[in-house]
Structure formats: C-alpha cells, structure tokens
Amino acid sequence: MIFLQKFFHSVTKLLSNKMYLCFKILPLLIFNLMKIGLFLIPLVLFSISEAKQTDNSGLLSSEDTLRFKIEIPAGTKQKWEFNDETGEVEKDYKDGKERIIQFLPYPGNYGFIPETLAGDGDPIDVIDLDESGVRGELKKVRIIGALNFEDKKEEDIKFIGVSPNGIFGNIQSIEQLLLEKPAVLEILKSWFLNYKKPGKMVFYGYIDRESSIQLITEARKKWKNR
C-alpha cells in the first residue's frame, strides 16, 4: 500500500513538473518562433522581389518601368558600346582611334534595352533624362515616347526614358513633356541632328508612349526569334 502511495506521488509530481514546463516554456517557445517568423517574412518577400527583377529587359507591370544598360553617362563624349562576346561595356574604336564625338556632351544617360532588336539590327537605344549615372549600370526608367530618326536611310529611333525618382519623375508621356517642358524635346532633337555630320540624321517626328511600348515588345519578340 505504501509502495502504491509513493508511486502515485511520484507520478503526480512528474506530471506537475511537465505541466509547469508546458505552461512556462511553451509560450516562450511560441513567442520566439513568432519573432523568427516576423524576421523571415520580409526576407522572403525581399527575395521574391529580387527574383522578379532578374528579367532586366522586361517591363515591370507594377511600376510600368523597364531597365536599360548605360553605355555613355550624361555629360560625357567618349563612345562606349556593349560587347556581346565579353558581356562588358567597352570603349569604341574607329580606324584604331577612340571614338569621341565632336560636339556637346550627351544630354542624358545613353544606352540600350537588353534582349531587344531594333530595325537597324542593334538593341533599342534609350536616352535617359536624368543626372549622370554609372557606366554599365542597369537603370530603371519609364519610357514616355521616342524620337523617330533615320540614319543612313536606316531606322534609328531614340526612346526617351525618365527615372521614376528623378526630376522628370512625374512625366508620364511625351505629350506631357511637350506641354510642360517643350525645350527638353527641342534640345534632344537638335542634339541628335547635329552630333554627327550635318544631314546624316533625319528627323521624322515624335512617337507616343503607347506606340513606343509596342515597338519595344516587338523588338523583344524579334530578339527571342532571331
């Protein structure tokens, strides 16, 4: 009888200790797991966000922007071009000499949209209306329209981009730019008409935003089907 009493006492004590551990430690464990979860959620969301941006040439529908690679930063005159074989932006040479334009510096960051093919067989050209960027940088811009040029009787459209956080970040279309900052378009048009030999570039007019996006979409398809 005494043995049974001692046995039940020991079992009761053990169970009470387990209940104590359950009520004391379990809440702390759950609390710490919640803290870890709150830490991991932003990390996972950030990773998902980064993964969405791996397609550098694609339009990001959430912000209606795309990324282009800067070859020639604003305010510079030396010609640089992307080398498909090396994957690097390199100095451009002609007849063994570095190409430096004999005119005013580029009025914006100049580069191209990766994974596109324009009418001239090269990637789509972009002029970004923002302060000087870093050569080789993939920069996010909103395409607002384009300038329709011809160079040596070949299509040579210059697409206009604005940085969402830049001084022209509120501009949504080329029509808005024409109404609010008409001198900007005049400067761009005049610059492209004169940075090469006179008469080499021919200007045919402006292209609106919707048509510009369609041209980019077609250029991407052309690149994929090359």
Protein backbone atom coordinates (compact mmCIF):
# COMPACT_ATOMS: atom_id res chain seq x y z
CA MET A 1 0.00 0.00 0.00
CA ILE A 2 2.79 2.36 0.94
CA PHE A 3 4.51 1.45 -2.31
CA LEU A 4 1.45 2.41 -4.33
CA GLN A 5 1.15 5.70 -2.49
CA LYS A 6 4.79 6.53 -3.25
CA PHE A 7 4.30 5.51 -6.87
CA PHE A 8 1.24 7.74 -7.37
CA HIS A 9 3.02 10.59 -5.58
CA SER A 10 5.99 10.31 -7.93
CA VAL A 11 3.73 10.19 -10.99
CA THR A 12 1.74 13.21 -9.79
CA LYS A 13 4.97 15.15 -9.18
CA LEU A 14 6.31 14.23 -12.60
CA LEU A 15 3.10 15.28 -14.31
CA SER A 16 3.02 18.55 -12.39
CA ASN A 17 6.60 19.26 -13.48
CA LYS A 18 5.66 18.54 -17.10
CA MET A 19 2.63 20.78 -16.85
CA TYR A 20 4.85 23.50 -15.40
CA LEU A 21 7.29 23.09 -18.26
CA CYS A 22 4.41 23.13 -20.72
CA PHE A 23 2.84 26.33 -19.39
CA LYS A 24 6.17 28.06 -18.67
CA ILE A 25 8.35 27.11 -21.64
CA LEU A 26 5.81 26.55 -24.42
CA PRO A 27 4.65 30.21 -24.52
CA LEU A 28 8.28 31.35 -24.64
CA LEU A 29 8.95 28.89 -27.46
CA ILE A 30 5.92 30.09 -29.42
CA PHE A 31 6.89 33.75 -28.83
CA ASN A 32 10.41 33.16 -30.14
CA LEU A 33 9.11 31.28 -33.18
CA MET A 34 6.81 34.21 -33.94
CA LYS A 35 9.77 36.61 -33.75
CA ILE A 36 11.74 34.42 -36.15
CA GLY A 37 8.75 34.30 -38.48
CA LEU A 38 8.40 38.09 -38.45
CA PHE A 39 12.07 38.33 -39.37
CA LEU A 40 11.85 35.74 -42.15
CA ILE A 41 8.71 37.11 -43.83
CA PRO A 42 10.35 40.39 -45.02
CA LEU A 43 13.43 38.40 -46.07
CA VAL A 44 11.31 36.04 -48.19
CA LEU A 45 9.35 38.93 -49.68
CA PHE A 46 12.61 40.73 -50.50
CA SER A 47 13.95 37.60 -52.20
CA ILE A 48 10.78 37.28 -54.25
CA SER A 49 11.04 40.94 -55.23
CA GLU A 50 14.66 40.49 -56.32
CA ALA A 51 13.72 37.40 -58.33
CA LYS A 52 11.09 39.39 -60.22
CA GLN A 53 13.77 41.86 -61.27
CA THR A 54 16.11 39.32 -62.85
CA ASP A 55 14.48 39.90 -66.22
CA ASN A 56 16.32 43.16 -66.77
CA SER A 57 14.82 43.92 -70.15
CA GLY A 58 11.21 43.28 -69.24
CA LEU A 59 8.55 45.79 -68.43
CA LEU A 60 7.73 45.68 -64.73
CA SER A 61 3.96 45.92 -64.85
CA SER A 62 3.63 47.03 -61.21
CA GLU A 63 5.54 50.24 -61.87
CA ASP A 64 5.34 50.30 -65.67
CA THR A 65 9.10 50.64 -65.98
CA LEU A 66 11.99 48.77 -67.56
CA ARG A 67 15.73 48.58 -67.14
CA PHE A 68 18.31 49.72 -69.65
CA LYS A 69 22.09 49.48 -69.57
CA ILE A 70 24.05 52.75 -69.51
CA GLU A 71 26.84 52.84 -72.08
CA ILE A 72 27.55 56.58 -72.13
CA PRO A 73 26.79 58.59 -68.94
CA ALA A 74 25.25 62.05 -69.28
CA GLY A 75 27.78 64.83 -69.72
CA THR A 76 30.44 62.65 -71.38
CA LYS A 77 31.62 62.49 -75.01
CA GLN A 78 33.53 59.23 -75.36
CA LYS A 79 31.73 56.45 -77.23
CA TRP A 80 31.37 53.16 -75.37
CA GLU A 81 29.43 50.11 -76.57
CA PHE A 82 28.35 46.79 -75.10
CA ASN A 83 30.34 43.79 -76.34
CA ASP A 84 28.11 40.71 -76.72
CA GLU A 85 31.10 38.36 -76.63
CA THR A 86 32.68 39.66 -73.41
CA GLY A 87 29.48 40.88 -71.75
CA GLU A 88 31.21 44.16 -70.91
CA VAL A 89 30.77 47.80 -71.90
CA GLU A 90 33.96 48.72 -73.76
CA LYS A 91 35.49 51.74 -75.49
CA ASP A 92 34.50 52.09 -79.12
CA TYR A 93 37.26 52.46 -81.71
CA LYS A 94 37.28 53.51 -85.36
CA ASP A 95 40.40 53.23 -87.54
CA GLY A 96 42.39 52.41 -84.40
CA LYS A 97 41.31 55.60 -82.61
CA GLU A 98 38.96 56.08 -79.69
CA ARG A 99 35.63 57.49 -80.82
CA ILE A 100 34.92 60.82 -79.18
CA ILE A 101 32.03 62.87 -80.54
CA GLN A 102 33.00 66.28 -81.88
CA PHE A 103 30.04 68.04 -80.34
CA LEU A 104 28.46 68.88 -77.00
CA PRO A 105 28.38 66.01 -74.44
CA TYR A 106 25.44 63.64 -74.29
CA PRO A 107 22.41 65.43 -72.79
CA GLY A 108 21.33 62.32 -70.88
CA ASN A 109 22.42 58.80 -69.98
CA TYR A 110 22.60 56.87 -73.25
CA GLY A 111 22.35 53.12 -73.59
CA PHE A 112 20.20 50.22 -74.72
CA ILE A 113 17.47 47.81 -73.62
CA PRO A 114 18.92 44.28 -73.31
CA GLU A 115 17.36 41.42 -75.24
CA THR A 116 15.85 43.60 -77.97
CA LEU A 117 16.50 44.04 -81.68
CA ALA A 118 15.56 47.30 -83.37
CA GLY A 119 15.05 47.96 -87.10
CA ASP A 120 18.78 48.53 -87.64
CA GLY A 121 19.65 45.14 -86.11
CA ASP A 122 21.02 46.65 -82.88
CA PRO A 123 19.38 46.77 -79.44
CA ILE A 124 16.88 49.55 -78.81
CA ASP A 125 18.52 52.91 -77.95
CA VAL A 126 17.45 54.85 -74.86
CA ILE A 127 18.26 58.40 -73.74
CA ASP A 128 17.54 58.86 -70.04
CA LEU A 129 16.58 62.34 -68.80
CA ASP A 130 18.44 62.20 -65.51
CA GLU A 131 21.72 63.19 -63.92
CA SER A 132 24.83 61.25 -64.85
CA GLY A 133 24.70 57.55 -63.99
CA VAL A 134 27.33 54.84 -63.79
CA ARG A 135 28.59 53.24 -66.98
CA GLY A 136 27.42 49.62 -67.15
CA GLU A 137 24.60 50.23 -64.67
CA LEU A 138 21.18 48.69 -65.27
CA LYS A 139 18.94 51.67 -64.60
CA LYS A 140 15.18 51.67 -64.13
CA VAL A 141 13.26 54.14 -66.29
CA ARG A 142 9.76 54.81 -67.56
CA ILE A 143 9.56 55.05 -71.34
CA ILE A 144 7.45 58.10 -72.24
CA GLY A 145 7.87 58.12 -76.01
CA ALA A 146 10.52 58.36 -78.69
CA LEU A 147 12.17 60.47 -81.38
CA ASN A 148 11.85 58.96 -84.83
CA PHE A 149 15.12 59.38 -86.73
CA GLU A 150 16.71 57.86 -89.79
CA ASP A 151 20.46 57.35 -90.02
CA LYS A 152 21.95 56.42 -93.41
CA LYS A 153 18.44 55.59 -94.59
CA GLU A 154 18.02 53.12 -91.70
CA GLU A 155 15.53 53.37 -88.85
CA ASP A 156 17.22 54.87 -85.77
CA ILE A 157 14.59 55.52 -83.10
CA LYS A 158 15.74 57.10 -79.83
CA PHE A 159 13.45 56.10 -76.96
CA ILE A 160 13.11 58.60 -74.12
CA GLY A 161 13.22 57.39 -70.53
CA VAL A 162 12.65 59.16 -67.22
CA SER A 163 13.70 57.97 -63.78
CA PRO A 164 10.63 57.47 -61.52
CA ASN A 165 12.52 59.24 -58.72
CA GLY A 166 14.25 61.83 -60.89
CA ILE A 167 13.46 65.45 -61.71
CA PHE A 168 11.14 64.32 -64.55
CA GLY A 169 9.61 61.52 -62.49
CA ASN A 170 6.12 62.98 -62.80
CA ILE A 171 6.20 62.89 -66.62
CA GLN A 172 4.07 60.05 -67.98
CA SER A 173 4.06 60.74 -71.72
CA ILE A 174 5.85 62.63 -74.45
CA GLU A 175 2.75 64.81 -74.82
CA GLN A 176 3.06 65.88 -71.18
CA LEU A 177 6.75 66.63 -71.64
CA LEU A 178 5.94 68.68 -74.73
CA LEU A 179 3.38 70.73 -72.79
CA GLU A 180 5.33 71.20 -69.56
CA LYS A 181 8.97 71.19 -70.73
CA PRO A 182 8.95 71.75 -74.53
CA ALA A 183 12.58 72.89 -74.55
CA VAL A 184 13.71 69.41 -73.45
CA LEU A 185 12.43 67.79 -76.64
CA GLU A 186 13.86 70.59 -78.74
CA ILE A 187 17.27 70.09 -77.11
CA LEU A 188 17.18 66.32 -77.69
CA LYS A 189 16.07 66.68 -81.30
CA SER A 190 18.69 69.34 -82.05
CA TRP A 191 21.45 67.36 -80.36
CA PHE A 192 20.80 64.13 -82.27
CA LEU A 193 20.51 66.03 -85.56
CA ASN A 194 23.90 67.66 -85.06
CA TYR A 195 26.17 65.36 -83.07
CA LYS A 196 27.18 63.59 -86.27
CA LYS A 197 27.94 65.14 -89.63
CA PRO A 198 25.25 67.61 -90.80
CA GLY A 199 22.48 65.93 -92.77
CA LYS A 200 23.35 62.42 -91.61
CA MET A 201 20.40 62.15 -89.22
CA VAL A 202 16.88 62.87 -90.48
CA PHE A 203 14.04 63.62 -88.05
CA TYR A 204 10.54 62.32 -88.89
CA GLY A 205 8.62 63.16 -85.75
CA TYR A 206 7.64 62.03 -82.27
CA ILE A 207 6.31 58.63 -81.21
CA ASP A 208 3.82 58.46 -78.35
CA ARG A 209 4.20 56.27 -75.30
CA GLU A 210 1.77 53.54 -76.29
CA SER A 211 3.36 53.08 -79.71
CA SER A 212 6.82 53.09 -78.11
CA ILE A 213 5.91 50.28 -75.72
CA GLN A 214 4.52 48.30 -78.65
CA LEU A 215 7.77 48.77 -80.58
CA ILE A 216 9.76 47.54 -77.57
CA THR A 217 7.52 44.49 -77.24
CA GLU A 218 8.03 43.68 -80.91
CA ALA A 219 11.79 44.19 -80.54
CA ARG A 220 11.85 41.68 -77.69
CA LYS A 221 9.97 39.12 -79.78
CA LYS A 222 12.40 39.73 -82.63
CA TRP A 223 15.34 39.08 -80.29
CA LYS A 224 13.81 35.83 -79.00
CA ASN A 225 13.09 34.59 -82.53
CA ARG A 226 16.45 35.60 -84.00
